Amino acid sequence: MRIEFDGGSVGKKTLVRLGMGAVRVALLFGSAAIAFALILTPVLDRRTRDMAAHGLDPIATGSVPGRVFVERRSVLQATPDAICIIHEDGRRSGTC
């Protein structure tokens, strides 16, 4: 079997060899991605647990029906539990 491309020809064996090369490359990168995921997952899990143990919550969301406000905390404030609440009208309450 021969396949014609613009006057040239490519044999069946060449096509099979190119196809097998592509499969090998896909398997190589796929196995590397799986290995990377298996190594990275416990590392990131441990990192988030360490952050939670120190009282750091990188993402905290919530809602109160009918009220819109922004709650800010800063590690630079004098007391660690100081919270600044900025209301929808710009009014501030708490430790700002």
C-alpha atoms as a PDB file:
ATOM      1  CA  MET A   1       0.000   0.000   0.000  1.00  0.00           C
ATOM      2  CA  ARG A   2       1.338   3.433  -0.947  1.00  0.00           C
ATOM      3  CA  ILE A   3      -0.122   6.829  -0.163  1.00  0.00           C
ATOM      4  CA  GLU A   4       0.619   9.675  -2.568  1.00  0.00           C
ATOM      5  CA  PHE A   5       1.393  13.176  -1.264  1.00  0.00           C
ATOM      6  CA  ASP A   6       2.112  15.785  -3.981  1.00  0.00           C
ATOM      7  CA  GLY A   7       4.040  13.446  -6.212  1.00  0.00           C
ATOM      8  CA  GLY A   8       5.982  11.758  -3.376  1.00  0.00           C
ATOM      9  CA  SER A   9       5.046   8.584  -1.606  1.00  0.00           C
ATOM     10  CA  VAL A  10       5.145   7.332   1.942  1.00  0.00           C
ATOM     11  CA  GLY A  11       5.216   3.640   2.651  1.00  0.00           C
ATOM     12  CA  LYS A  12       3.031   1.813   5.140  1.00  0.00           C
ATOM     13  CA  LYS A  13       6.029   0.989   7.330  1.00  0.00           C
ATOM     14  CA  THR A  14       6.947   4.686   7.591  1.00  0.00           C
ATOM     15  CA  LEU A  15       3.414   5.582   8.656  1.00  0.00           C
ATOM     16  CA  VAL A  16       3.364   2.816  11.273  1.00  0.00           C
ATOM     17  CA  ARG A  17       6.745   3.928  12.622  1.00  0.00           C
ATOM     18  CA  LEU A  18       5.581   7.574  12.862  1.00  0.00           C
ATOM     19  CA  GLY A  19       2.369   6.481  14.568  1.00  0.00           C
ATOM     20  CA  MET A  20       4.247   4.373  17.105  1.00  0.00           C
ATOM     21  CA  GLY A  21       6.572   7.310  17.801  1.00  0.00           C
ATOM     22  CA  ALA A  22       3.575   9.520  18.558  1.00  0.00           C
ATOM     23  CA  VAL A  23       2.143   6.863  20.875  1.00  0.00           C
ATOM     24  CA  ARG A  24       5.473   6.583  22.710  1.00  0.00           C
ATOM     25  CA  VAL A  25       5.687  10.359  23.170  1.00  0.00           C
ATOM     26  CA  ALA A  26       2.097  10.471  24.480  1.00  0.00           C
ATOM     27  CA  LEU A  27       2.820   7.642  26.925  1.00  0.00           C
ATOM     28  CA  LEU A  28       6.007   9.346  28.097  1.00  0.00           C
ATOM     29  CA  PHE A  29       4.300  12.670  28.824  1.00  0.00           C
ATOM     30  CA  GLY A  30       1.224  10.964  30.271  1.00  0.00           C
ATOM     31  CA  SER A  31       3.254   8.902  32.706  1.00  0.00           C
ATOM     32  CA  ALA A  32       5.305  11.978  33.648  1.00  0.00           C
ATOM     33  CA  ALA A  33       2.084  13.902  34.371  1.00  0.00           C
ATOM     34  CA  ILE A  34       0.729  11.082  36.525  1.00  0.00           C
ATOM     35  CA  ALA A  35       3.998  10.822  38.471  1.00  0.00           C
ATOM     36  CA  PHE A  36       4.049  14.594  38.968  1.00  0.00           C
ATOM     37  CA  ALA A  37       0.455  14.554  40.252  1.00  0.00           C
ATOM     38  CA  LEU A  38       1.178  11.679  42.641  1.00  0.00           C
ATOM     39  CA  ILE A  39       4.153  13.543  44.098  1.00  0.00           C
ATOM     40  CA  LEU A  40       2.632  17.028  44.151  1.00  0.00           C
ATOM     41  CA  THR A  41      -0.707  16.144  45.781  1.00  0.00           C
ATOM     42  CA  PRO A  42       0.660  15.109  49.218  1.00  0.00           C
ATOM     43  CA  VAL A  43       3.043  18.063  49.255  1.00  0.00           C
ATOM     44  CA  LEU A  44       0.241  20.574  48.671  1.00  0.00           C
ATOM     45  CA  ASP A  45      -2.024  18.789  51.152  1.00  0.00           C
ATOM     46  CA  ARG A  46       0.644  19.019  53.839  1.00  0.00           C
ATOM     47  CA  ARG A  47       1.178  22.693  53.044  1.00  0.00           C
ATOM     48  CA  THR A  48      -2.516  23.551  53.445  1.00  0.00           C
ATOM     49  CA  ARG A  49      -2.724  21.598  56.704  1.00  0.00           C
ATOM     50  CA  ASP A  50       0.269  23.530  58.048  1.00  0.00           C
ATOM     51  CA  MET A  51      -1.435  26.802  57.143  1.00  0.00           C
ATOM     52  CA  ALA A  52      -4.660  25.709  58.834  1.00  0.00           C
ATOM     53  CA  ALA A  53      -2.751  24.650  61.965  1.00  0.00           C
ATOM     54  CA  HIS A  54      -1.373  28.191  62.293  1.00  0.00           C
ATOM     55  CA  GLY A  55      -4.824  29.724  61.930  1.00  0.00           C
ATOM     56  CA  LEU A  56      -4.363  30.964  58.382  1.00  0.00           C
ATOM     57  CA  ASP A  57      -7.296  30.532  56.052  1.00  0.00           C
ATOM     58  CA  PRO A  58      -6.314  31.697  52.567  1.00  0.00           C
ATOM     59  CA  ILE A  59      -9.881  31.650  51.258  1.00  0.00           C
ATOM     60  CA  ALA A  60     -12.946  32.417  53.325  1.00  0.00           C
ATOM     61  CA  THR A  61     -16.240  33.402  51.734  1.00  0.00           C
ATOM     62  CA  GLY A  62     -19.747  33.863  53.013  1.00  0.00           C
ATOM     63  CA  SER A  63     -22.948  35.792  52.541  1.00  0.00           C
ATOM     64  CA  VAL A  64     -25.631  37.374  54.668  1.00  0.00           C
ATOM     65  CA  PRO A  65     -29.015  37.865  52.944  1.00  0.00           C
ATOM     66  CA  GLY A  66     -29.799  41.530  52.343  1.00  0.00           C
ATOM     67  CA  ARG A  67     -26.416  42.892  53.451  1.00  0.00           C
ATOM     68  CA  VAL A  68     -23.307  43.515  51.369  1.00  0.00           C
ATOM     69  CA  PHE A  69     -19.991  44.120  53.078  1.00  0.00           C
ATOM     70  CA  VAL A  70     -16.282  43.408  52.830  1.00  0.00           C
ATOM     71  CA  GLU A  71     -14.442  41.906  55.765  1.00  0.00           C
ATOM     72  CA  ARG A  72     -10.712  42.566  55.941  1.00  0.00           C
ATOM     73  CA  ARG A  73      -8.066  41.108  58.184  1.00  0.00           C
ATOM     74  CA  SER A  74      -4.385  41.959  58.171  1.00  0.00           C
ATOM     75  CA  VAL A  75      -1.350  40.270  59.634  1.00  0.00           C
ATOM     76  CA  LEU A  76       0.092  43.749  60.160  1.00  0.00           C
ATOM     77  CA  GLN A  77      -2.552  44.788  62.703  1.00  0.00           C
ATOM     78  CA  ALA A  78      -1.652  44.842  66.389  1.00  0.00           C
ATOM     79  CA  THR A  79      -4.172  42.195  67.423  1.00  0.00           C
ATOM     80  CA  PRO A  80      -4.544  39.050  65.318  1.00  0.00           C
ATOM     81  CA  ASP A  81      -8.343  38.979  65.711  1.00  0.00           C
ATOM     82  CA  ALA A  82      -8.836  42.562  64.498  1.00  0.00           C
ATOM     83  CA  ILE A  83     -11.432  42.724  61.723  1.00  0.00           C
ATOM     84  CA  CYS A  84     -12.291  45.705  59.527  1.00  0.00           C
ATOM     85  CA  ILE A  85     -15.790  45.639  58.016  1.00  0.00           C
ATOM     86  CA  ILE A  86     -16.469  47.921  55.056  1.00  0.00           C
ATOM     87  CA  HIS A  87     -20.184  48.297  54.354  1.00  0.00           C
ATOM     88  CA  GLU A  88     -21.791  48.871  50.959  1.00  0.00           C
ATOM     89  CA  ASP A  89     -22.202  52.623  51.586  1.00  0.00           C
ATOM     90  CA  GLY A  90     -18.489  52.993  52.464  1.00  0.00           C
ATOM     91  CA  ARG A  91     -19.034  53.097  56.214  1.00  0.00           C
ATOM     92  CA  ARG A  92     -16.333  51.265  58.199  1.00  0.00           C
ATOM     93  CA  SER A  93     -16.715  49.454  61.485  1.00  0.00           C
ATOM     94  CA  GLY A  94     -14.514  47.263  63.597  1.00  0.00           C
ATOM     95  CA  THR A  95     -10.762  47.776  63.794  1.00  0.00           C
ATOM     96  CA  CYS A  96      -9.821  49.629  60.605  1.00  0.00           C
END
